[in-house]
Amino acid sequence: MNMQATLSLHLLKTLKKISNKETRLEQGFTLVELIVVVVIIGVLSSIAIPSFMASADKAKQREVSTLLGSYVKAAQAYYTENSAWPTTRAELSQFVSVIGCSTNNAATCKANAPVNYSGMTTAGSWYSQSGLYEIRWVPGATSTFTAVPTGTFSASGYGTSACFNSATGSTKVSDSVTKGTNVPAATC
């Protein structure tokens, strides 16, 4: 073999090694590519997490909205049965259990058994079973129930109000669209 052929063969082998090294290096991700992926995940997270948190707060509102709907239907049933509106939790409890928590601390409410307010001879207010809302009841010809976010939930929670008008027989449950303790009253 002549010298030129030997150099050509050696050059081809060297080029083959170099090309194999480049191929091997291109199989991984560069630092820039990894940083771009992390930034994209961060941006998507910053969009998704607040949306998820708002959905969780709305789910808590939906729970108390259902509860107030039950109280309003119980007031309506009591009026239909007795031709008078209920004025005590004992009267209301003939058609629905009035249970709740003794405090507005959600952790305490989870750890302890619920309080049965059904036998009480007053209207007034009590805390929801989760302890996140204070339920306020004003009995009368138009009975109104209001669920106001309370405790640590007072700034981030959505309130709910409900009413029963004994003159018209109408009921209404209204969910607040703004966070906080200023809950507009439902009108029947």
Protein backbone atom coordinates (compact mmCIF):
# COMPACT_ATOMS: atom_id res chain seq x y z
CA MET A 1 0.00 0.00 0.00
CA ASN A 2 1.32 3.35 -0.82
CA MET A 3 1.62 6.22 1.55
CA GLN A 4 -1.30 8.13 0.06
CA ALA A 5 -3.65 5.17 0.44
CA THR A 6 -2.52 4.66 4.05
CA LEU A 7 -3.18 8.34 4.89
CA SER A 8 -6.57 8.20 3.20
CA LEU A 9 -7.50 5.11 5.17
CA HIS A 10 -6.27 6.71 8.39
CA LEU A 11 -8.19 9.92 7.61
CA LEU A 12 -11.39 7.96 6.95
CA LYS A 13 -11.04 6.11 10.24
CA THR A 14 -10.46 9.41 12.10
CA LEU A 15 -13.48 11.05 10.44
CA LYS A 16 -15.60 8.05 11.32
CA LYS A 17 -14.54 8.34 14.99
CA ILE A 18 -15.28 12.08 15.01
CA SER A 19 -18.70 11.59 13.43
CA ASN A 20 -19.51 8.87 15.99
CA LYS A 21 -18.56 11.25 18.82
CA GLU A 22 -20.81 14.01 17.44
CA THR A 23 -23.69 11.59 17.07
CA ARG A 24 -23.18 10.40 20.62
CA LEU A 25 -23.14 14.00 21.92
CA GLU A 26 -26.32 14.90 20.02
CA GLN A 27 -28.28 12.12 21.71
CA GLY A 28 -28.52 14.06 25.03
CA PHE A 29 -30.13 17.42 25.86
CA THR A 30 -28.16 20.61 26.12
CA LEU A 31 -28.36 22.85 29.16
CA VAL A 32 -30.23 25.48 27.14
CA GLU A 33 -32.87 22.95 26.08
CA LEU A 34 -33.37 21.84 29.69
CA ILE A 35 -33.70 25.45 30.88
CA VAL A 36 -36.31 26.17 28.18
CA VAL A 37 -38.35 23.14 29.28
CA VAL A 38 -38.18 24.21 32.94
CA VAL A 39 -39.31 27.75 32.02
CA ILE A 40 -42.23 26.39 29.98
CA ILE A 41 -43.32 24.17 32.88
CA GLY A 42 -43.05 27.17 35.23
CA VAL A 43 -45.23 29.34 33.00
CA LEU A 44 -47.87 26.64 32.64
CA SER A 45 -47.87 26.08 36.41
CA SER A 46 -48.32 29.78 37.09
CA ILE A 47 -51.39 29.70 34.86
CA ALA A 48 -52.88 26.45 36.18
CA ILE A 49 -52.37 26.74 39.95
CA PRO A 50 -54.49 29.91 40.50
CA SER A 51 -57.23 28.39 38.38
CA PHE A 52 -57.12 25.22 40.45
CA MET A 53 -57.25 27.20 43.72
CA ALA A 54 -60.28 29.18 42.52
CA SER A 55 -61.99 25.91 41.61
CA ALA A 56 -61.34 24.56 45.10
CA ASP A 57 -62.85 27.69 46.70
CA LYS A 58 -65.89 27.46 44.40
CA ALA A 59 -66.34 23.78 45.37
CA LYS A 60 -66.45 24.80 49.04
CA GLN A 61 -69.04 27.43 48.13
CA ARG A 62 -71.09 24.81 46.27
CA GLU A 63 -71.12 22.65 49.41
CA VAL A 64 -72.55 25.44 51.57
CA SER A 65 -74.91 26.48 48.77
CA THR A 66 -76.43 22.99 48.85
CA LEU A 67 -76.70 23.23 52.63
CA LEU A 68 -78.56 26.56 52.46
CA GLY A 69 -80.82 25.13 49.76
CA SER A 70 -81.75 22.34 52.19
CA TYR A 71 -82.52 24.86 54.95
CA VAL A 72 -84.69 26.93 52.61
CA LYS A 73 -86.62 23.84 51.46
CA ALA A 74 -87.06 22.83 55.12
CA ALA A 75 -88.45 26.31 55.93
CA GLN A 76 -90.80 25.98 52.96
CA ALA A 77 -91.92 22.50 54.07
CA TYR A 78 -92.47 23.72 57.64
CA TYR A 79 -94.60 26.60 56.36
CA THR A 80 -96.62 24.28 54.12
CA GLU A 81 -97.21 21.88 57.01
CA ASN A 82 -97.93 24.41 59.79
CA SER A 83 -99.10 27.59 57.97
CA ALA A 84 -96.45 29.50 59.89
CA TRP A 85 -92.78 30.08 59.25
CA PRO A 86 -90.23 28.36 61.46
CA THR A 87 -88.62 30.55 64.13
CA THR A 88 -86.29 28.07 65.86
CA ARG A 89 -83.76 25.49 64.76
CA ALA A 90 -85.90 22.87 66.50
CA GLU A 91 -88.78 23.70 64.16
CA LEU A 92 -86.49 23.77 61.13
CA SER A 93 -85.01 20.42 62.15
CA GLN A 94 -88.36 18.69 61.67
CA PHE A 95 -87.41 18.62 57.99
CA VAL A 96 -83.59 18.81 57.95
CA SER A 97 -80.78 18.11 60.41
CA VAL A 98 -79.11 21.29 61.59
CA ILE A 99 -75.54 20.25 62.31
CA GLY A 100 -72.30 22.17 62.31
CA CYS A 101 -69.04 22.81 64.08
CA SER A 102 -68.48 24.53 67.41
CA THR A 103 -65.71 26.73 65.98
CA ASN A 104 -64.55 28.39 62.78
CA ASN A 105 -61.29 26.44 62.81
CA ALA A 106 -61.34 23.91 59.95
CA ALA A 107 -58.66 21.69 61.53
CA THR A 108 -60.64 21.43 64.78
CA CYS A 109 -63.83 20.67 62.85
CA LYS A 110 -62.13 17.81 60.98
CA ALA A 111 -60.79 16.33 64.21
CA ASN A 112 -64.04 16.54 66.23
CA ALA A 113 -67.54 15.17 65.77
CA PRO A 114 -70.13 17.64 64.42
CA VAL A 115 -72.43 19.48 66.82
CA ASN A 116 -76.17 18.85 66.55
CA TYR A 117 -77.99 22.19 66.64
CA SER A 118 -81.37 20.67 65.79
CA GLY A 119 -82.85 20.89 69.29
CA MET A 120 -82.03 24.56 69.88
CA THR A 121 -84.94 26.91 70.44
CA THR A 122 -83.29 29.89 68.77
CA ALA A 123 -82.54 30.91 65.22
CA GLY A 124 -79.31 32.93 65.24
CA SER A 125 -76.09 31.64 63.73
CA TRP A 126 -73.82 28.59 63.77
CA TYR A 127 -70.76 27.35 61.91
CA SER A 128 -70.96 24.99 58.97
CA GLN A 129 -69.75 21.45 59.48
CA SER A 130 -66.42 22.32 57.82
CA GLY A 131 -66.02 25.42 60.01
CA LEU A 132 -65.32 27.55 56.94
CA TYR A 133 -68.67 29.40 56.99
CA GLU A 134 -70.85 31.06 59.57
CA ILE A 135 -74.49 30.28 58.80
CA ARG A 136 -76.80 33.18 59.75
CA TRP A 137 -80.56 32.71 59.82
CA VAL A 138 -83.12 35.48 60.12
CA PRO A 139 -86.59 33.87 60.36
CA GLY A 140 -89.74 35.65 59.31
CA ALA A 141 -92.21 36.00 56.47
CA THR A 142 -89.13 36.04 54.26
CA SER A 143 -86.66 33.70 55.94
CA THR A 144 -83.10 34.47 54.93
CA PHE A 145 -80.01 32.31 55.33
CA THR A 146 -76.53 33.63 54.70
CA ALA A 147 -73.25 31.68 54.65
CA VAL A 148 -70.35 34.03 55.32
CA PRO A 149 -66.75 32.83 54.91
CA THR A 150 -65.08 32.94 58.30
CA GLY A 151 -61.74 32.44 60.03
CA THR A 152 -58.77 31.83 57.75
CA PHE A 153 -61.20 31.37 54.84
CA SER A 154 -62.80 34.83 55.21
CA ALA A 155 -60.58 36.53 52.62
CA SER A 156 -60.51 33.75 50.02
CA GLY A 157 -64.00 32.25 50.32
CA TYR A 158 -67.13 32.97 48.33
CA GLY A 159 -70.35 33.50 50.30
CA THR A 160 -73.85 32.27 49.60
CA SER A 161 -77.31 33.51 50.55
CA ALA A 162 -80.75 31.99 50.31
CA CYS A 163 -84.34 32.96 51.10
CA PHE A 164 -87.91 31.68 51.32
CA ASN A 165 -90.87 34.03 50.90
CA SER A 166 -93.94 32.57 52.60
CA ALA A 167 -96.29 34.99 50.82
CA THR A 168 -95.27 33.88 47.32
CA GLY A 169 -93.82 30.44 48.12
CA SER A 170 -90.66 31.32 46.20
CA THR A 171 -87.18 30.21 47.17
CA LYS A 172 -83.83 31.37 45.90
CA VAL A 173 -80.18 30.50 46.46
CA SER A 174 -77.56 33.04 45.30
CA ASP A 175 -73.85 32.38 45.13
CA SER A 176 -71.58 35.40 45.55
CA VAL A 177 -69.14 36.03 42.71
CA THR A 178 -66.69 38.03 44.82
CA LYS A 179 -64.46 36.77 47.60
CA GLY A 180 -64.79 37.99 51.17
CA THR A 181 -67.31 38.48 53.93
CA ASN A 182 -69.57 40.97 52.12
CA VAL A 183 -72.28 38.58 50.95
CA PRO A 184 -75.27 40.16 49.20
CA ALA A 185 -78.62 38.94 50.50
CA ALA A 186 -80.84 36.87 48.23
CA THR A 187 -84.20 38.48 47.51
CA CYS A 188 -87.35 36.44 47.07
